Amino acid sequence: MSFKWSLGLFLLFLMILLAFLSISYGSVNISFLDVMRLLFQKDREEAYIVWEIRLPRTIGGILTGASLGVSGAVMQNVLQNPLASPFTLGISHGAAFGAAFAIIVLGAGKTFNVGPEGFSILQGVPVVFSAFCGALLTVLIILGLSLLRSLSPQAIILAGVALSSLFTSATMFLQYFSDEVRVASTVFWTFGDVGKAGWQENKIMALTFCISFALLWVNRWNYNAMLWGDETAKNLGTNPKFLRIFSLLICAILTAVPTAFLGIIGFVGLISPHIIRLLIGNDYTLLIPFSAMAGAGLLLASDLLARTILSPIVLPVGIITSFIGAPVFLTLLLRRNRF
């Protein structure tokens, strides 16, 4: 068996192991054997913790991490920028502003806690639609700048930083003129936390991920052609302009839906593709699925750390991923020849 397929099996095994650890550890620890029993015995008292809190949280982490990992891998290709990701380009912040608009202005959000491991239920349709509109607006601005002004990869990142600041300020503006309940709801929501995922949210995220992943996977050979530049891609039968627009729209959906439900979770889409790229190179037939598994594993590991590092206090996973991602981002930035 080749190294690449061995790596794929290892990533799958690691993701499953982290999923079981995620279900087992928290404010109440449950052994592996008990987890296996409770998955089939819903009548026991601990089954509520597993089925209604831990399992939705774990599935939400897998879907969100996989979505962000795939988005980062594809965006780095079509924008020809190794620093591109939903977070660094401001797409997550655009989606966050859209969701905050739905919560504050449209009154589409409600938050509440059950025990020390809190979760949130949102009126999905208006929040997700508004988040997608915010993410789409960011994508259109980035795409317009890159196509019309021929900005360098470094300048695109700076544009993403500016857009992140703009949408963060716009969100704060909405909060300033809102009532205390909706401000508290928005602030609670903006902390990226997979504990907000419930079964309904996971169904929507799963449907979105499966369709989007399939559409991106179909174009895996086109992404390989894009590695050689637009002219070479055209000679190989690829339409770079259409592929770039199409891919960014799909990435906007992949980013908007998890962000609408769970809040801003940064740097997963930046780190996971680079980890895989260091191991297997730029072959997108493997880079896309492996980035999904790496993103899922990274987010599960970060959430597990968030729940145990200050136990019984549960930290939002967005804090952990930012602590991990910021040094990685700076390292990648310093490796560039010029800024």
C-alpha atoms as a PDB file:
ATOM      1  CA  MET A   1       0.000   0.000   0.000  1.00  0.00           C
ATOM      2  CA  SER A   2       1.379   3.407  -0.985  1.00  0.00           C
ATOM      3  CA  PHE A   3       2.155   6.123   1.536  1.00  0.00           C
ATOM      4  CA  LYS A   4      -0.695   8.298   0.300  1.00  0.00           C
ATOM      5  CA  TRP A   5      -3.367   5.682   0.896  1.00  0.00           C
ATOM      6  CA  SER A   6      -1.799   4.779   4.243  1.00  0.00           C
ATOM      7  CA  LEU A   7      -2.036   8.453   5.177  1.00  0.00           C
ATOM      8  CA  GLY A   8      -5.705   8.484   4.182  1.00  0.00           C
ATOM      9  CA  LEU A   9      -6.451   5.469   6.399  1.00  0.00           C
ATOM     10  CA  PHE A  10      -4.502   7.061   9.253  1.00  0.00           C
ATOM     11  CA  LEU A  11      -6.465  10.315   8.957  1.00  0.00           C
ATOM     12  CA  LEU A  12      -9.740   8.375   8.952  1.00  0.00           C
ATOM     13  CA  PHE A  13      -8.676   6.367  12.006  1.00  0.00           C
ATOM     14  CA  LEU A  14      -7.512   9.522  13.796  1.00  0.00           C
ATOM     15  CA  MET A  15     -10.803  11.277  13.057  1.00  0.00           C
ATOM     16  CA  ILE A  16     -12.815   8.329  14.423  1.00  0.00           C
ATOM     17  CA  LEU A  17     -10.592   8.130  17.520  1.00  0.00           C
ATOM     18  CA  LEU A  18     -10.978  11.857  18.190  1.00  0.00           C
ATOM     19  CA  ALA A  19     -14.738  11.510  17.692  1.00  0.00           C
ATOM     20  CA  PHE A  20     -14.920   8.846  20.426  1.00  0.00           C
ATOM     21  CA  LEU A  21     -12.719  10.958  22.695  1.00  0.00           C
ATOM     22  CA  SER A  22     -14.986  13.928  22.061  1.00  0.00           C
ATOM     23  CA  ILE A  23     -18.019  11.897  23.100  1.00  0.00           C
ATOM     24  CA  SER A  24     -16.239  10.455  26.142  1.00  0.00           C
ATOM     25  CA  TYR A  25     -14.681  13.554  27.723  1.00  0.00           C
ATOM     26  CA  GLY A  26     -16.365  16.655  29.103  1.00  0.00           C
ATOM     27  CA  SER A  27     -17.914  17.866  32.335  1.00  0.00           C
ATOM     28  CA  VAL A  28     -18.957  14.223  32.881  1.00  0.00           C
ATOM     29  CA  ASN A  29     -16.439  11.632  31.671  1.00  0.00           C
ATOM     30  CA  ILE A  30     -17.804   8.469  30.080  1.00  0.00           C
ATOM     31  CA  SER A  31     -15.624   5.451  29.311  1.00  0.00           C
ATOM     32  CA  PHE A  32     -15.240   4.097  25.777  1.00  0.00           C
ATOM     33  CA  LEU A  33     -17.175   0.945  26.645  1.00  0.00           C
ATOM     34  CA  ASP A  34     -20.024   2.946  28.142  1.00  0.00           C
ATOM     35  CA  VAL A  35     -20.108   5.129  25.036  1.00  0.00           C
ATOM     36  CA  MET A  36     -20.512   2.025  22.880  1.00  0.00           C
ATOM     37  CA  ARG A  37     -23.323   0.772  25.102  1.00  0.00           C
ATOM     38  CA  LEU A  38     -25.099   4.131  25.260  1.00  0.00           C
ATOM     39  CA  LEU A  39     -25.103   4.409  21.478  1.00  0.00           C
ATOM     40  CA  PHE A  40     -27.469   1.416  21.479  1.00  0.00           C
ATOM     41  CA  GLN A  41     -29.199   1.843  24.870  1.00  0.00           C
ATOM     42  CA  LYS A  42     -31.072   5.127  24.846  1.00  0.00           C
ATOM     43  CA  ASP A  43     -33.051   4.326  27.985  1.00  0.00           C
ATOM     44  CA  ARG A  44     -30.116   4.816  30.388  1.00  0.00           C
ATOM     45  CA  GLU A  45     -29.634   8.125  32.215  1.00  0.00           C
ATOM     46  CA  GLU A  46     -26.277   8.905  30.613  1.00  0.00           C
ATOM     47  CA  ALA A  47     -27.767   8.363  27.156  1.00  0.00           C
ATOM     48  CA  TYR A  48     -29.165  11.900  27.187  1.00  0.00           C
ATOM     49  CA  ILE A  49     -25.639  13.332  27.525  1.00  0.00           C
ATOM     50  CA  VAL A  50     -24.388  11.198  24.633  1.00  0.00           C
ATOM     51  CA  TRP A  51     -27.330  11.557  22.243  1.00  0.00           C
ATOM     52  CA  GLU A  52     -28.452  15.116  22.891  1.00  0.00           C
ATOM     53  CA  ILE A  53     -25.191  16.932  23.761  1.00  0.00           C
ATOM     54  CA  ARG A  54     -21.975  15.032  22.953  1.00  0.00           C
ATOM     55  CA  LEU A  55     -22.933  13.276  19.693  1.00  0.00           C
ATOM     56  CA  PRO A  56     -24.447  16.357  17.987  1.00  0.00           C
ATOM     57  CA  ARG A  57     -21.423  18.361  19.123  1.00  0.00           C
ATOM     58  CA  THR A  58     -19.006  15.799  17.676  1.00  0.00           C
ATOM     59  CA  ILE A  59     -20.853  15.468  14.374  1.00  0.00           C
ATOM     60  CA  GLY A  60     -21.050  19.256  14.120  1.00  0.00           C
ATOM     61  CA  GLY A  61     -17.285  19.461  14.668  1.00  0.00           C
ATOM     62  CA  ILE A  62     -16.618  16.905  11.933  1.00  0.00           C
ATOM     63  CA  LEU A  63     -18.878  18.639   9.408  1.00  0.00           C
ATOM     64  CA  THR A  64     -17.583  22.122  10.205  1.00  0.00           C
ATOM     65  CA  GLY A  65     -13.907  21.143  10.171  1.00  0.00           C
ATOM     66  CA  ALA A  66     -14.335  19.222   6.920  1.00  0.00           C
ATOM     67  CA  SER A  67     -16.193  22.138   5.287  1.00  0.00           C
ATOM     68  CA  LEU A  68     -13.532  24.666   6.278  1.00  0.00           C
ATOM     69  CA  GLY A  69     -10.683  22.332   5.298  1.00  0.00           C
ATOM     70  CA  VAL A  70     -12.054  21.754   1.799  1.00  0.00           C
ATOM     71  CA  SER A  71     -12.843  25.461   1.357  1.00  0.00           C
ATOM     72  CA  GLY A  72      -9.295  26.443   2.283  1.00  0.00           C
ATOM     73  CA  ALA A  73      -7.724  23.912  -0.079  1.00  0.00           C
ATOM     74  CA  VAL A  74      -9.825  25.036  -3.047  1.00  0.00           C
ATOM     75  CA  MET A  75      -9.480  28.766  -2.350  1.00  0.00           C
ATOM     76  CA  GLN A  76      -5.700  28.482  -2.152  1.00  0.00           C
ATOM     77  CA  ASN A  77      -5.795  26.916  -5.612  1.00  0.00           C
ATOM     78  CA  VAL A  78      -8.168  29.197  -7.527  1.00  0.00           C
ATOM     79  CA  LEU A  79      -6.703  32.376  -6.001  1.00  0.00           C
ATOM     80  CA  GLN A  80      -3.144  31.018  -6.342  1.00  0.00           C
ATOM     81  CA  ASN A  81      -2.494  32.157  -2.789  1.00  0.00           C
ATOM     82  CA  PRO A  82      -1.176  29.830  -0.048  1.00  0.00           C
ATOM     83  CA  LEU A  83      -2.481  32.217   2.622  1.00  0.00           C
ATOM     84  CA  ALA A  84      -6.073  32.105   1.388  1.00  0.00           C
ATOM     85  CA  SER A  85      -8.782  30.660   3.626  1.00  0.00           C
ATOM     86  CA  PRO A  86     -12.350  31.589   4.587  1.00  0.00           C
ATOM     87  CA  PHE A  87     -11.034  33.316   7.716  1.00  0.00           C
ATOM     88  CA  THR A  88      -8.040  35.228   6.304  1.00  0.00           C
ATOM     89  CA  LEU A  89     -10.062  36.555   3.351  1.00  0.00           C
ATOM     90  CA  GLY A  90     -12.862  37.841   5.559  1.00  0.00           C
ATOM     91  CA  ILE A  91     -15.505  35.413   4.252  1.00  0.00           C
ATOM     92  CA  SER A  92     -16.192  34.103   7.766  1.00  0.00           C
ATOM     93  CA  HIS A  93     -16.625  37.667   9.026  1.00  0.00           C
ATOM     94  CA  GLY A  94     -18.949  38.485   6.127  1.00  0.00           C
ATOM     95  CA  ALA A  95     -21.052  35.447   6.979  1.00  0.00           C
ATOM     96  CA  ALA A  96     -20.963  36.460  10.630  1.00  0.00           C
ATOM     97  CA  PHE A  97     -22.283  39.917   9.801  1.00  0.00           C
ATOM     98  CA  GLY A  98     -25.090  38.416   7.743  1.00  0.00           C
ATOM     99  CA  ALA A  99     -26.078  36.094  10.560  1.00  0.00           C
ATOM    100  CA  ALA A 100     -25.858  38.917  13.124  1.00  0.00           C
ATOM    101  CA  PHE A 101     -28.149  40.996  10.903  1.00  0.00           C
ATOM    102  CA  ALA A 102     -30.680  38.163  10.897  1.00  0.00           C
ATOM    103  CA  ILE A 103     -30.461  37.758  14.680  1.00  0.00           C
ATOM    104  CA  ILE A 104     -30.627  41.452  15.610  1.00  0.00           C
ATOM    105  CA  VAL A 105     -32.681  43.037  12.847  1.00  0.00           C
ATOM    106  CA  LEU A 106     -34.881  40.117  11.804  1.00  0.00           C
ATOM    107  CA  GLY A 107     -35.092  38.530  15.273  1.00  0.00           C
ATOM    108  CA  ALA A 108     -34.191  35.098  13.924  1.00  0.00           C
ATOM    109  CA  GLY A 109     -31.996  33.822  16.761  1.00  0.00           C
ATOM    110  CA  LYS A 110     -32.560  32.314  20.168  1.00  0.00           C
ATOM    111  CA  THR A 111     -29.879  30.989  22.529  1.00  0.00           C
ATOM    112  CA  PHE A 112     -30.052  28.994  25.703  1.00  0.00           C
ATOM    113  CA  ASN A 113     -27.945  26.593  27.765  1.00  0.00           C
ATOM    114  CA  VAL A 114     -28.476  23.085  29.063  1.00  0.00           C
ATOM    115  CA  GLY A 115     -26.024  22.376  31.869  1.00  0.00           C
ATOM    116  CA  PRO A 116     -22.362  23.356  31.522  1.00  0.00           C
ATOM    117  CA  GLU A 117     -22.245  22.301  27.861  1.00  0.00           C
ATOM    118  CA  GLY A 118     -24.387  24.935  26.142  1.00  0.00           C
ATOM    119  CA  PHE A 119     -25.956  24.863  22.758  1.00  0.00           C
ATOM    120  CA  SER A 120     -27.962  27.173  20.575  1.00  0.00           C
ATOM    121  CA  ILE A 121     -31.031  26.760  18.409  1.00  0.00           C
ATOM    122  CA  LEU A 122     -31.506  29.231  15.580  1.00  0.00           C
ATOM    123  CA  GLN A 123     -34.307  29.735  13.103  1.00  0.00           C
ATOM    124  CA  GLY A 124     -32.175  28.262  10.370  1.00  0.00           C
ATOM    125  CA  VAL A 125     -33.520  29.625   7.093  1.00  0.00           C
ATOM    126  CA  PRO A 126     -33.181  33.419   7.634  1.00  0.00           C
ATOM    127  CA  VAL A 127     -29.886  33.086   9.504  1.00  0.00           C
ATOM    128  CA  VAL A 128     -28.270  30.788   6.941  1.00  0.00           C
ATOM    129  CA  PHE A 129     -29.575  32.850   4.017  1.00  0.00           C
ATOM    130  CA  SER A 130     -28.289  36.088   5.540  1.00  0.00           C
ATOM    131  CA  ALA A 131     -24.937  34.472   6.352  1.00  0.00           C
ATOM    132  CA  PHE A 132     -24.635  33.231   2.785  1.00  0.00           C
ATOM    133  CA  CYS A 133     -25.403  36.727   1.459  1.00  0.00           C
ATOM    134  CA  GLY A 134     -22.641  38.161   3.680  1.00  0.00           C
ATOM    135  CA  ALA A 135     -20.170  35.507   2.560  1.00  0.00           C
ATOM    136  CA  LEU A 136     -21.185  35.964  -1.084  1.00  0.00           C
ATOM    137  CA  LEU A 137     -20.688  39.720  -0.858  1.00  0.00           C
ATOM    138  CA  THR A 138     -17.162  39.184   0.475  1.00  0.00           C
ATOM    139  CA  VAL A 139     -16.381  36.676  -2.268  1.00  0.00           C
ATOM    140  CA  LEU A 140     -17.614  39.071  -4.962  1.00  0.00           C
ATOM    141  CA  ILE A 141     -15.454  41.877  -3.599  1.00  0.00           C
ATOM    142  CA  ILE A 142     -12.355  39.644  -3.422  1.00  0.00           C
ATOM    143  CA  LEU A 143     -13.063  38.234  -6.877  1.00  0.00           C
ATOM    144  CA  GLY A 144     -13.590  41.691  -8.339  1.00  0.00           C
ATOM    145  CA  LEU A 145     -10.355  42.995  -6.882  1.00  0.00           C
ATOM    146  CA  SER A 146      -8.348  39.998  -8.057  1.00  0.00           C
ATOM    147  CA  LEU A 147      -9.774  40.051 -11.600  1.00  0.00           C
ATOM    148  CA  LEU A 148     -10.162  43.757 -12.287  1.00  0.00           C
ATOM    149  CA  ARG A 149      -7.103  45.125 -10.522  1.00  0.00           C
ATOM    150  CA  SER A 150      -4.824  42.083 -10.851  1.00  0.00           C
ATOM    151  CA  LEU A 151      -3.835  42.294  -7.204  1.00  0.00           C
ATOM    152  CA  SER A 152      -0.888  40.274  -5.939  1.00  0.00           C
ATOM    153  CA  PRO A 153      -1.559  37.375  -3.537  1.00  0.00           C
ATOM    154  CA  GLN A 154      -0.253  39.494  -0.657  1.00  0.00           C
ATOM    155  CA  ALA A 155      -2.560  42.380  -1.570  1.00  0.00           C
ATOM    156  CA  ILE A 156      -5.545  40.025  -1.629  1.00  0.00           C
ATOM    157  CA  ILE A 157      -4.751  39.002   1.943  1.00  0.00           C
ATOM    158  CA  LEU A 158      -4.586  42.677   2.933  1.00  0.00           C
ATOM    159  CA  ALA A 159      -7.968  43.181   1.266  1.00  0.00           C
ATOM    160  CA  GLY A 160      -9.288  40.281   3.323  1.00  0.00           C
ATOM    161  CA  VAL A 161      -7.987  41.904   6.509  1.00  0.00           C
ATOM    162  CA  ALA A 162      -9.708  45.156   5.549  1.00  0.00           C
ATOM    163  CA  LEU A 163     -12.984  43.364   4.826  1.00  0.00           C
ATOM    164  CA  SER A 164     -12.771  41.494   8.136  1.00  0.00           C
ATOM    165  CA  SER A 165     -12.398  44.818   9.936  1.00  0.00           C
ATOM    166  CA  LEU A 166     -15.271  46.325   7.945  1.00  0.00           C
ATOM    167  CA  PHE A 167     -17.716  43.513   8.716  1.00  0.00           C
ATOM    168  CA  THR A 168     -16.631  43.368  12.366  1.00  0.00           C
ATOM    169  CA  SER A 169     -17.330  47.098  12.675  1.00  0.00           C
ATOM    170  CA  ALA A 170     -20.704  46.671  10.957  1.00  0.00           C
ATOM    171  CA  THR A 171     -21.608  43.895  13.411  1.00  0.00           C
ATOM    172  CA  MET A 172     -20.632  46.110  16.345  1.00  0.00           C
ATOM    173  CA  PHE A 173     -22.771  48.905  14.875  1.00  0.00           C
ATOM    174  CA  LEU A 174     -25.812  46.614  14.871  1.00  0.00           C
ATOM    175  CA  GLN A 175     -25.076  45.544  18.437  1.00  0.00           C
ATOM    176  CA  TYR A 176     -24.782  49.131  19.649  1.00  0.00           C
ATOM    177  CA  PHE A 177     -28.342  49.982  18.620  1.00  0.00           C
ATOM    178  CA  SER A 178     -29.877  46.677  19.691  1.00  0.00           C
ATOM    179  CA  ASP A 179     -31.469  45.643  22.981  1.00  0.00           C
ATOM    180  CA  GLU A 180     -29.566  43.726  25.654  1.00  0.00           C
ATOM    181  CA  VAL A 181     -31.103  40.348  24.879  1.00  0.00           C
ATOM    182  CA  ARG A 182     -30.221  40.401  21.191  1.00  0.00           C
ATOM    183  CA  VAL A 183     -26.761  41.809  21.869  1.00  0.00           C
ATOM    184  CA  ALA A 184     -26.123  39.003  24.347  1.00  0.00           C
ATOM    185  CA  SER A 185     -27.440  36.491  21.823  1.00  0.00           C
ATOM    186  CA  THR A 186     -25.156  37.832  19.097  1.00  0.00           C
ATOM    187  CA  VAL A 187     -22.081  37.972  21.329  1.00  0.00           C
ATOM    188  CA  PHE A 188     -22.718  34.422  22.504  1.00  0.00           C
ATOM    189  CA  TRP A 189     -23.176  33.319  18.915  1.00  0.00           C
ATOM    190  CA  THR A 190     -20.007  34.992  17.572  1.00  0.00           C
ATOM    191  CA  PHE A 191     -17.857  32.852  19.877  1.00  0.00           C
ATOM    192  CA  GLY A 192     -17.177  29.931  17.543  1.00  0.00           C
ATOM    193  CA  ASP A 193     -18.429  26.914  19.463  1.00  0.00           C
ATOM    194  CA  VAL A 194     -19.401  23.481  18.133  1.00  0.00           C
ATOM    195  CA  GLY A 195     -21.466  23.004  21.291  1.00  0.00           C
ATOM    196  CA  LYS A 196     -24.203  24.989  19.529  1.00  0.00           C
ATOM    197  CA  ALA A 197     -24.733  22.208  16.992  1.00  0.00           C
ATOM    198  CA  GLY A 198     -27.944  20.232  17.310  1.00  0.00           C
ATOM    199  CA  TRP A 199     -29.463  17.509  15.178  1.00  0.00           C
ATOM    200  CA  GLN A 200     -31.360  19.975  12.980  1.00  0.00           C
ATOM    201  CA  GLU A 201     -28.257  22.080  12.371  1.00  0.00           C
ATOM    202  CA  ASN A 202     -26.201  18.984  11.590  1.00  0.00           C
ATOM    203  CA  LYS A 203     -28.730  17.802   8.996  1.00  0.00           C
ATOM    204  CA  ILE A 204     -28.451  21.102   7.134  1.00  0.00           C
ATOM    205  CA  MET A 205     -24.648  21.152   7.400  1.00  0.00           C
ATOM    206  CA  ALA A 206     -24.415  17.527   6.238  1.00  0.00           C
ATOM    207  CA  LEU A 207     -26.607  18.176   3.197  1.00  0.00           C
ATOM    208  CA  THR A 208     -24.626  21.303   2.311  1.00  0.00           C
ATOM    209  CA  PHE A 209     -21.283  19.564   2.734  1.00  0.00           C
ATOM    210  CA  CYS A 210     -22.173  16.471   0.716  1.00  0.00           C
ATOM    211  CA  ILE A 211     -23.480  18.450  -2.270  1.00  0.00           C
ATOM    212  CA  SER A 212     -20.640  20.987  -2.185  1.00  0.00           C
ATOM    213  CA  PHE A 213     -17.959  18.318  -1.747  1.00  0.00           C
ATOM    214  CA  ALA A 214     -19.312  16.392  -4.730  1.00  0.00           C
ATOM    215  CA  LEU A 215     -19.286  19.520  -6.933  1.00  0.00           C
ATOM    216  CA  LEU A 216     -15.694  20.339  -5.942  1.00  0.00           C
ATOM    217  CA  TRP A 217     -14.563  16.720  -6.279  1.00  0.00           C
ATOM    218  CA  VAL A 218     -15.849  16.572  -9.865  1.00  0.00           C
ATOM    219  CA  ASN A 219     -13.438  19.410 -10.709  1.00  0.00           C
ATOM    220  CA  ARG A 220     -10.383  17.839  -9.045  1.00  0.00           C
ATOM    221  CA  TRP A 221      -8.508  17.466 -12.354  1.00  0.00           C
ATOM    222  CA  ASN A 222      -9.297  21.070 -13.251  1.00  0.00           C
ATOM    223  CA  TYR A 223      -7.717  22.177  -9.963  1.00  0.00           C
ATOM    224  CA  ASN A 224      -4.608  20.186 -10.846  1.00  0.00           C
ATOM    225  CA  ALA A 225      -4.516  21.991 -14.200  1.00  0.00           C
ATOM    226  CA  MET A 226      -4.821  25.359 -12.430  1.00  0.00           C
ATOM    227  CA  LEU A 227      -1.565  24.659 -10.588  1.00  0.00           C
ATOM    228  CA  TRP A 228       0.293  25.400 -13.843  1.00  0.00           C
ATOM    229  CA  GLY A 229      -1.334  28.794 -14.395  1.00  0.00           C
ATOM    230  CA  ASP A 230      -4.337  30.043 -16.311  1.00  0.00           C
ATOM    231  CA  GLU A 231      -2.793  29.733 -19.784  1.00  0.00           C
ATOM    232  CA  THR A 232      -1.769  26.127 -19.302  1.00  0.00           C
ATOM    233  CA  ALA A 233      -5.156  25.337 -17.760  1.00  0.00           C
ATOM    234  CA  LYS A 234      -6.884  26.771 -20.855  1.00  0.00           C
ATOM    235  CA  ASN A 235      -4.728  24.600 -23.117  1.00  0.00           C
ATOM    236  CA  LEU A 236      -5.764  21.573 -21.057  1.00  0.00           C
ATOM    237  CA  GLY A 237      -9.451  22.335 -21.567  1.00  0.00           C
ATOM    238  CA  THR A 238     -10.200  24.171 -18.317  1.00  0.00           C
ATOM    239  CA  ASN A 239     -12.034  27.485 -18.114  1.00  0.00           C
ATOM    240  CA  PRO A 240     -10.114  29.291 -15.319  1.00  0.00           C
ATOM    241  CA  LYS A 241     -12.482  32.252 -14.990  1.00  0.00           C
ATOM    242  CA  PHE A 242     -15.615  30.099 -14.690  1.00  0.00           C
ATOM    243  CA  LEU A 243     -13.877  27.631 -12.373  1.00  0.00           C
ATOM    244  CA  ARG A 244     -12.681  30.451 -10.123  1.00  0.00           C
ATOM    245  CA  ILE A 245     -16.142  32.015  -9.800  1.00  0.00           C
ATOM    246  CA  PHE A 246     -17.900  28.657  -9.403  1.00  0.00           C
ATOM    247  CA  SER A 247     -15.440  27.410  -6.776  1.00  0.00           C
ATOM    248  CA  LEU A 248     -15.598  30.589  -4.699  1.00  0.00           C
ATOM    249  CA  LEU A 249     -19.399  30.458  -4.687  1.00  0.00           C
ATOM    250  CA  ILE A 250     -19.336  26.863  -3.430  1.00  0.00           C
ATOM    251  CA  CYS A 251     -16.746  27.827  -0.806  1.00  0.00           C
ATOM    252  CA  ALA A 252     -18.994  30.696   0.274  1.00  0.00           C
ATOM    253  CA  ILE A 253     -21.807  28.214   0.918  1.00  0.00           C
ATOM    254  CA  LEU A 254     -19.474  25.829   2.752  1.00  0.00           C
ATOM    255  CA  THR A 255     -18.336  28.677   4.988  1.00  0.00           C
ATOM    256  CA  ALA A 256     -21.670  30.406   5.490  1.00  0.00           C
ATOM    257  CA  VAL A 257     -23.701  27.463   6.783  1.00  0.00           C
ATOM    258  CA  PRO A 258     -21.383  26.375   9.642  1.00  0.00           C
ATOM    259  CA  THR A 259     -20.683  30.012  10.513  1.00  0.00           C
ATOM    260  CA  ALA A 260     -24.406  30.743  10.694  1.00  0.00           C
ATOM    261  CA  PHE A 261     -24.942  27.963  13.210  1.00  0.00           C
ATOM    262  CA  LEU A 262     -21.700  27.856  15.187  1.00  0.00           C
ATOM    263  CA  GLY A 263     -20.074  31.293  14.877  1.00  0.00           C
ATOM    264  CA  ILE A 264     -16.606  32.245  13.632  1.00  0.00           C
ATOM    265  CA  ILE A 265     -14.020  29.450  13.761  1.00  0.00           C
ATOM    266  CA  GLY A 266     -10.752  30.675  12.334  1.00  0.00           C
ATOM    267  CA  PHE A 267      -7.661  29.178  10.679  1.00  0.00           C
ATOM    268  CA  VAL A 268      -8.915  25.582  10.259  1.00  0.00           C
ATOM    269  CA  GLY A 269      -9.216  26.210   6.529  1.00  0.00           C
ATOM    270  CA  LEU A 270      -5.676  27.592   6.456  1.00  0.00           C
ATOM    271  CA  ILE A 271      -3.854  24.965   8.520  1.00  0.00           C
ATOM    272  CA  SER A 272      -5.337  21.647   7.384  1.00  0.00           C
ATOM    273  CA  PRO A 273      -4.597  21.959   3.622  1.00  0.00           C
ATOM    274  CA  HIS A 274      -0.987  22.950   4.368  1.00  0.00           C
ATOM    275  CA  ILE A 275      -0.506  19.943   6.641  1.00  0.00           C
ATOM    276  CA  ILE A 276      -1.710  17.626   3.866  1.00  0.00           C
ATOM    277  CA  ARG A 277       0.225  19.481   1.179  1.00  0.00           C
ATOM    278  CA  LEU A 278       3.473  19.006   3.104  1.00  0.00           C
ATOM    279  CA  LEU A 279       2.841  15.242   3.175  1.00  0.00           C
ATOM    280  CA  ILE A 280       1.465  14.418  -0.292  1.00  0.00           C
ATOM    281  CA  GLY A 281       1.963  17.503  -2.463  1.00  0.00           C
ATOM    282  CA  ASN A 282      -0.626  19.322  -4.567  1.00  0.00           C
ATOM    283  CA  ASP A 283      -2.588  16.431  -6.104  1.00  0.00           C
ATOM    284  CA  TYR A 284      -6.191  17.587  -5.642  1.00  0.00           C
ATOM    285  CA  THR A 285      -7.595  14.103  -6.177  1.00  0.00           C
ATOM    286  CA  LEU A 286      -6.294  13.396  -2.668  1.00  0.00           C
ATOM    287  CA  LEU A 287      -5.834  16.903  -1.293  1.00  0.00           C
ATOM    288  CA  ILE A 288      -9.588  17.611  -1.232  1.00  0.00           C
ATOM    289  CA  PRO A 289     -10.711  14.534   0.776  1.00  0.00           C
ATOM    290  CA  PHE A 290      -7.592  14.508   2.967  1.00  0.00           C
ATOM    291  CA  SER A 291      -8.033  18.207   3.807  1.00  0.00           C
ATOM    292  CA  ALA A 292     -11.604  17.431   4.839  1.00  0.00           C
ATOM    293  CA  MET A 293     -10.450  14.703   7.227  1.00  0.00           C
ATOM    294  CA  ALA A 294      -7.557  16.825   8.522  1.00  0.00           C
ATOM    295  CA  GLY A 295      -9.893  19.778   9.122  1.00  0.00           C
ATOM    296  CA  ALA A 296     -12.366  17.562  10.961  1.00  0.00           C
ATOM    297  CA  GLY A 297      -9.612  16.056  13.100  1.00  0.00           C
ATOM    298  CA  LEU A 298      -8.080  19.442  13.861  1.00  0.00           C
ATOM    299  CA  LEU A 299     -11.397  20.910  14.978  1.00  0.00           C
ATOM    300  CA  LEU A 300     -12.264  17.852  17.093  1.00  0.00           C
ATOM    301  CA  ALA A 301      -8.857  17.998  18.779  1.00  0.00           C
ATOM    302  CA  SER A 302      -9.217  21.744  19.392  1.00  0.00           C
ATOM    303  CA  ASP A 303     -12.703  21.284  20.853  1.00  0.00           C
ATOM    304  CA  LEU A 304     -11.462  18.482  23.091  1.00  0.00           C
ATOM    305  CA  LEU A 305      -8.696  20.773  24.337  1.00  0.00           C
ATOM    306  CA  ALA A 306     -11.213  23.593  24.843  1.00  0.00           C
ATOM    307  CA  ARG A 307     -13.321  21.357  27.081  1.00  0.00           C
ATOM    308  CA  THR A 308     -10.494  19.913  29.155  1.00  0.00           C
ATOM    309  CA  ILE A 309      -7.822  22.605  29.520  1.00  0.00           C
ATOM    310  CA  LEU A 310      -9.809  24.560  32.151  1.00  0.00           C
ATOM    311  CA  SER A 311     -12.347  21.891  33.094  1.00  0.00           C
ATOM    312  CA  PRO A 312     -15.132  22.245  34.202  1.00  0.00           C
ATOM    313  CA  ILE A 313     -15.072  25.549  32.259  1.00  0.00           C
ATOM    314  CA  VAL A 314     -15.769  24.977  28.565  1.00  0.00           C
ATOM    315  CA  LEU A 315     -13.972  27.412  26.244  1.00  0.00           C
ATOM    316  CA  PRO A 316     -15.301  28.266  22.773  1.00  0.00           C
ATOM    317  CA  VAL A 317     -13.290  26.300  20.235  1.00  0.00           C
ATOM    318  CA  GLY A 318     -12.739  29.473  18.179  1.00  0.00           C
ATOM    319  CA  ILE A 319     -10.363  30.696  20.881  1.00  0.00           C
ATOM    320  CA  ILE A 320      -8.233  27.538  20.622  1.00  0.00           C
ATOM    321  CA  THR A 321      -8.076  27.524  16.812  1.00  0.00           C
ATOM    322  CA  SER A 322      -7.039  31.187  16.805  1.00  0.00           C
ATOM    323  CA  PHE A 323      -4.231  30.486  19.285  1.00  0.00           C
ATOM    324  CA  ILE A 324      -3.033  27.641  17.066  1.00  0.00           C
ATOM    325  CA  GLY A 325      -3.621  29.361  13.738  1.00  0.00           C
ATOM    326  CA  ALA A 326      -2.026  32.750  14.387  1.00  0.00           C
ATOM    327  CA  PRO A 327       1.565  31.382  14.703  1.00  0.00           C
ATOM    328  CA  VAL A 328       1.025  29.174  11.641  1.00  0.00           C
ATOM    329  CA  PHE A 329      -0.220  32.165   9.637  1.00  0.00           C
ATOM    330  CA  LEU A 330       2.817  34.231  10.669  1.00  0.00           C
ATOM    331  CA  THR A 331       5.136  31.365   9.758  1.00  0.00           C
ATOM    332  CA  LEU A 332       3.590  31.058   6.294  1.00  0.00           C
ATOM    333  CA  LEU A 333       3.791  34.822   5.898  1.00  0.00           C
ATOM    334  CA  LEU A 334       7.506  34.891   6.763  1.00  0.00           C
ATOM    335  CA  ARG A 335       8.195  32.130   4.259  1.00  0.00           C
ATOM    336  CA  ARG A 336       6.980  34.334   1.432  1.00  0.00           C
ATOM    337  CA  ASN A 337       9.753  35.976  -0.605  1.00  0.00           C
ATOM    338  CA  ARG A 338       8.223  39.404  -0.273  1.00  0.00           C
ATOM    339  CA  PHE A 339       5.171  41.096   1.218  1.00  0.00           C
END
